[in-house]
């Protein structure tokens, strides 16, 4: 199904036990935000499940970063069940 929208898929990366996003995750979200500067109606699709010792899924951690940057939650679609890149695709 085509939505006619541009979608940025943000691959998951580690979240610390206290919920702090790792450097790779911050860089990936930053790159998606830069893409959003070019496409005003960009939809963000953060991916990544929850792993032992993580308080939230990788996708949820990225959603928080996106919202802190001013992205409306209506423009964020979570994929929080995958455990690896193959499952993301």
N, C-alpha and C. Protein backbone atom coordinates (compact mmCIF):
# COMPACT_ATOMS: atom_id res chain seq x y z
N UNK A 1 0.83 -1.16 0.00
CA UNK A 1 0.00 0.00 0.00
C UNK A 1 0.89 1.24 0.00
N UNK A 2 0.62 2.16 -0.88
CA UNK A 2 1.40 3.39 -0.95
C UNK A 2 0.68 4.50 -0.19
N UNK A 3 1.42 5.14 0.71
CA UNK A 3 0.86 6.25 1.47
C UNK A 3 1.17 7.59 0.81
N UNK A 4 2.07 7.59 -0.18
CA UNK A 4 2.49 8.82 -0.80
C UNK A 4 3.39 9.64 0.11
N UNK A 5 3.90 9.03 1.15
CA UNK A 5 4.75 9.70 2.12
C UNK A 5 6.17 9.15 2.04
N UNK A 6 7.11 9.97 2.46
CA UNK A 6 8.49 9.53 2.58
C UNK A 6 8.69 9.02 4.00
N UNK A 7 9.29 7.84 4.12
CA UNK A 7 9.48 7.19 5.42
C UNK A 7 10.96 6.99 5.68
N UNK A 8 11.41 7.39 6.86
CA UNK A 8 12.78 7.14 7.29
C UNK A 8 12.77 5.96 8.26
N UNK A 9 13.36 4.86 7.86
CA UNK A 9 13.47 3.70 8.73
C UNK A 9 14.76 3.85 9.53
N UNK A 10 14.62 3.85 10.86
CA UNK A 10 15.78 4.05 11.73
C UNK A 10 16.07 2.72 12.42
N UNK A 11 17.18 2.12 12.08
CA UNK A 11 17.53 0.81 12.64
C UNK A 11 17.91 0.95 14.11
N UNK A 12 17.50 -0.03 14.88
CA UNK A 12 17.75 -0.03 16.32
C UNK A 12 19.22 -0.12 16.68
N UNK A 13 19.48 0.26 17.90
CA UNK A 13 20.82 0.22 18.46
C UNK A 13 20.67 0.18 19.97
N UNK A 14 21.76 0.00 20.66
CA UNK A 14 21.69 -0.30 22.09
C UNK A 14 21.12 0.83 22.95
N UNK A 15 20.45 0.37 24.02
CA UNK A 15 19.93 1.24 25.08
C UNK A 15 20.53 0.70 26.38
N UNK A 16 21.04 1.58 27.21
CA UNK A 16 21.66 1.12 28.46
C UNK A 16 20.59 0.69 29.46
N UNK A 17 21.02 0.07 30.53
CA UNK A 17 20.10 -0.44 31.56
C UNK A 17 19.28 0.68 32.20
N UNK A 18 19.81 1.90 32.18
CA UNK A 18 19.04 3.02 32.76
C UNK A 18 18.19 3.74 31.71
N UNK A 19 18.18 3.21 30.47
CA UNK A 19 17.36 3.78 29.41
C UNK A 19 18.05 4.82 28.56
N UNK A 20 19.33 5.06 28.81
CA UNK A 20 20.08 6.04 28.03
C UNK A 20 20.39 5.49 26.65
N UNK A 21 20.02 6.22 25.58
CA UNK A 21 20.35 5.77 24.23
C UNK A 21 21.85 5.83 24.00
N UNK A 22 22.38 4.85 23.29
CA UNK A 22 23.80 4.82 22.96
C UNK A 22 24.14 5.81 21.87
N UNK A 23 25.44 5.98 21.64
CA UNK A 23 25.91 6.93 20.64
C UNK A 23 25.43 6.62 19.23
N UNK A 24 25.45 5.35 18.85
CA UNK A 24 25.01 4.98 17.50
C UNK A 24 23.54 5.32 17.31
N UNK A 25 22.73 5.08 18.34
CA UNK A 25 21.31 5.39 18.25
C UNK A 25 21.11 6.89 18.07
N UNK A 26 21.83 7.68 18.83
CA UNK A 26 21.72 9.14 18.73
C UNK A 26 22.12 9.62 17.33
N UNK A 27 23.17 9.03 16.78
CA UNK A 27 23.60 9.42 15.43
C UNK A 27 22.56 9.03 14.39
N UNK A 28 21.96 7.87 14.52
CA UNK A 28 20.93 7.42 13.56
C UNK A 28 19.71 8.33 13.63
N UNK A 29 19.29 8.65 14.83
CA UNK A 29 18.14 9.56 14.98
C UNK A 29 18.50 10.94 14.43
N UNK A 30 19.72 11.39 14.69
CA UNK A 30 20.17 12.68 14.17
C UNK A 30 20.13 12.73 12.64
N UNK A 31 20.56 11.64 12.02
CA UNK A 31 20.54 11.57 10.55
C UNK A 31 19.09 11.62 10.03
N UNK A 32 18.20 10.93 10.72
CA UNK A 32 16.79 10.95 10.32
C UNK A 32 16.21 12.36 10.48
N UNK A 33 16.59 13.05 11.54
CA UNK A 33 16.12 14.42 11.75
C UNK A 33 16.63 15.34 10.64
N UNK A 34 17.86 15.13 10.19
CA UNK A 34 18.39 15.92 9.08
C UNK A 34 17.59 15.66 7.81
N UNK A 35 17.21 14.40 7.60
CA UNK A 35 16.37 14.06 6.45
C UNK A 35 15.03 14.77 6.56
N UNK A 36 14.52 14.87 7.78
CA UNK A 36 13.26 15.57 8.01
C UNK A 36 13.33 17.04 7.66
N UNK A 37 14.52 17.63 7.70
CA UNK A 37 14.69 19.02 7.29
C UNK A 37 14.42 19.17 5.79
N UNK A 38 14.67 18.11 5.03
CA UNK A 38 14.46 18.14 3.58
C UNK A 38 13.04 17.73 3.18
N UNK A 39 12.40 16.89 4.01
CA UNK A 39 11.07 16.38 3.72
C UNK A 39 10.16 16.72 4.90
N UNK A 40 9.39 17.78 4.77
CA UNK A 40 8.62 18.30 5.91
C UNK A 40 7.55 17.34 6.43
N UNK A 41 7.08 16.42 5.60
CA UNK A 41 6.05 15.48 6.06
C UNK A 41 6.62 14.08 6.30
N UNK A 42 7.92 14.01 6.53
CA UNK A 42 8.59 12.72 6.73
C UNK A 42 7.94 11.93 7.87
N UNK A 43 7.76 10.65 7.64
CA UNK A 43 7.29 9.72 8.66
C UNK A 43 8.52 8.99 9.18
N UNK A 44 8.63 8.88 10.49
CA UNK A 44 9.77 8.22 11.13
C UNK A 44 9.35 6.83 11.59
N UNK A 45 10.15 5.82 11.25
CA UNK A 45 9.86 4.45 11.64
C UNK A 45 11.05 3.87 12.40
N UNK A 46 11.13 4.15 13.71
CA UNK A 46 12.20 3.56 14.51
C UNK A 46 11.93 2.07 14.74
N UNK A 47 12.98 1.27 14.68
CA UNK A 47 12.84 -0.17 14.84
C UNK A 47 13.69 -0.69 15.99
N UNK A 48 13.31 -1.82 16.51
CA UNK A 48 14.12 -2.49 17.53
C UNK A 48 13.31 -2.88 18.75
N UNK A 49 13.51 -4.10 19.16
CA UNK A 49 12.77 -4.65 20.30
C UNK A 49 13.43 -4.35 21.63
N UNK A 50 12.92 -5.03 22.63
CA UNK A 50 13.45 -4.88 23.99
C UNK A 50 14.29 -6.11 24.31
N UNK A 51 15.40 -5.88 24.96
CA UNK A 51 16.33 -6.94 25.31
C UNK A 51 16.49 -6.99 26.83
N UNK A 52 16.99 -8.08 27.37
CA UNK A 52 17.20 -8.17 28.82
C UNK A 52 18.03 -6.99 29.31
N UNK A 53 17.68 -6.48 30.46
CA UNK A 53 18.35 -5.37 31.13
C UNK A 53 18.04 -4.01 30.50
N UNK A 54 17.15 -3.97 29.50
CA UNK A 54 16.73 -2.70 28.93
C UNK A 54 15.36 -2.34 29.49
N UNK A 55 15.15 -1.09 29.91
CA UNK A 55 13.86 -0.70 30.45
C UNK A 55 12.79 -0.44 29.39
N UNK A 56 13.22 -0.29 28.13
CA UNK A 56 12.27 -0.03 27.05
C UNK A 56 12.85 -0.59 25.75
N UNK A 57 12.01 -0.66 24.74
CA UNK A 57 12.50 -1.14 23.44
C UNK A 57 13.38 -0.06 22.80
N UNK A 58 14.19 -0.50 21.86
CA UNK A 58 15.03 0.44 21.13
C UNK A 58 14.15 1.44 20.37
N UNK A 59 13.06 0.94 19.80
CA UNK A 59 12.14 1.82 19.06
C UNK A 59 11.54 2.88 19.98
N UNK A 60 11.16 2.50 21.19
CA UNK A 60 10.60 3.46 22.14
C UNK A 60 11.63 4.51 22.55
N UNK A 61 12.87 4.09 22.72
CA UNK A 61 13.93 5.04 23.07
C UNK A 61 14.12 6.06 21.95
N UNK A 62 14.07 5.60 20.72
CA UNK A 62 14.22 6.52 19.59
C UNK A 62 13.01 7.44 19.45
N UNK A 63 11.84 6.91 19.74
CA UNK A 63 10.64 7.77 19.72
C UNK A 63 10.82 8.91 20.71
N UNK A 64 11.33 8.62 21.87
CA UNK A 64 11.56 9.67 22.87
C UNK A 64 12.53 10.73 22.35
N UNK A 65 13.61 10.29 21.70
CA UNK A 65 14.58 11.24 21.13
C UNK A 65 13.92 12.10 20.05
N UNK A 66 13.12 11.48 19.21
CA UNK A 66 12.44 12.22 18.15
C UNK A 66 11.48 13.26 18.73
N UNK A 67 10.73 12.86 19.74
CA UNK A 67 9.78 13.78 20.35
C UNK A 67 10.50 14.91 21.09
N UNK A 68 11.63 14.61 21.73
CA UNK A 68 12.43 15.65 22.37
C UNK A 68 12.91 16.68 21.35
N UNK A 69 13.09 16.22 20.10
CA UNK A 69 13.54 17.10 19.03
C UNK A 69 12.37 17.85 18.38
N UNK A 70 11.15 17.62 18.87
CA UNK A 70 10.00 18.35 18.37
C UNK A 70 9.15 17.64 17.33
N UNK A 71 9.42 16.36 17.10
CA UNK A 71 8.63 15.60 16.12
C UNK A 71 7.31 15.17 16.77
N UNK A 72 6.21 15.43 16.10
CA UNK A 72 4.88 15.06 16.58
C UNK A 72 4.74 13.54 16.59
N UNK A 73 4.17 12.99 17.63
CA UNK A 73 4.02 11.54 17.75
C UNK A 73 3.20 10.95 16.60
N UNK A 74 2.37 11.74 15.95
CA UNK A 74 1.57 11.26 14.81
C UNK A 74 2.45 10.92 13.60
N UNK A 75 3.68 11.42 13.60
CA UNK A 75 4.60 11.16 12.49
C UNK A 75 5.59 10.04 12.81
N UNK A 76 5.34 9.31 13.91
CA UNK A 76 6.24 8.24 14.33
C UNK A 76 5.47 6.93 14.38
N UNK A 77 5.98 5.93 13.68
CA UNK A 77 5.39 4.58 13.69
C UNK A 77 6.43 3.64 14.28
N UNK A 78 6.09 2.98 15.37
CA UNK A 78 7.05 2.09 16.04
C UNK A 78 7.01 0.68 15.48
N UNK A 79 8.18 0.08 15.39
CA UNK A 79 8.33 -1.35 15.13
C UNK A 79 9.20 -1.84 16.28
N UNK A 80 8.57 -2.39 17.30
CA UNK A 80 9.30 -2.70 18.53
C UNK A 80 9.38 -4.19 18.86
N UNK A 81 9.16 -5.03 17.88
CA UNK A 81 9.19 -6.47 18.14
C UNK A 81 10.44 -7.17 17.60
N UNK A 82 11.12 -6.56 16.64
CA UNK A 82 12.27 -7.23 16.02
C UNK A 82 13.45 -7.32 16.99
N UNK A 83 14.23 -8.35 16.80
CA UNK A 83 15.42 -8.58 17.63
C UNK A 83 16.72 -8.47 16.85
N UNK A 84 16.61 -8.35 15.50
CA UNK A 84 17.81 -8.22 14.68
C UNK A 84 17.44 -7.56 13.36
N UNK A 85 18.45 -7.20 12.58
CA UNK A 85 18.22 -6.47 11.32
C UNK A 85 17.40 -7.29 10.31
N UNK A 86 17.55 -8.59 10.30
CA UNK A 86 16.79 -9.43 9.39
C UNK A 86 15.30 -9.32 9.69
N UNK A 87 14.94 -9.32 10.95
CA UNK A 87 13.52 -9.20 11.32
C UNK A 87 12.97 -7.81 11.00
N UNK A 88 13.83 -6.80 10.94
CA UNK A 88 13.38 -5.46 10.60
C UNK A 88 12.94 -5.36 9.15
N UNK A 89 13.51 -6.20 8.29
CA UNK A 89 13.24 -6.06 6.85
C UNK A 89 12.01 -6.77 6.38
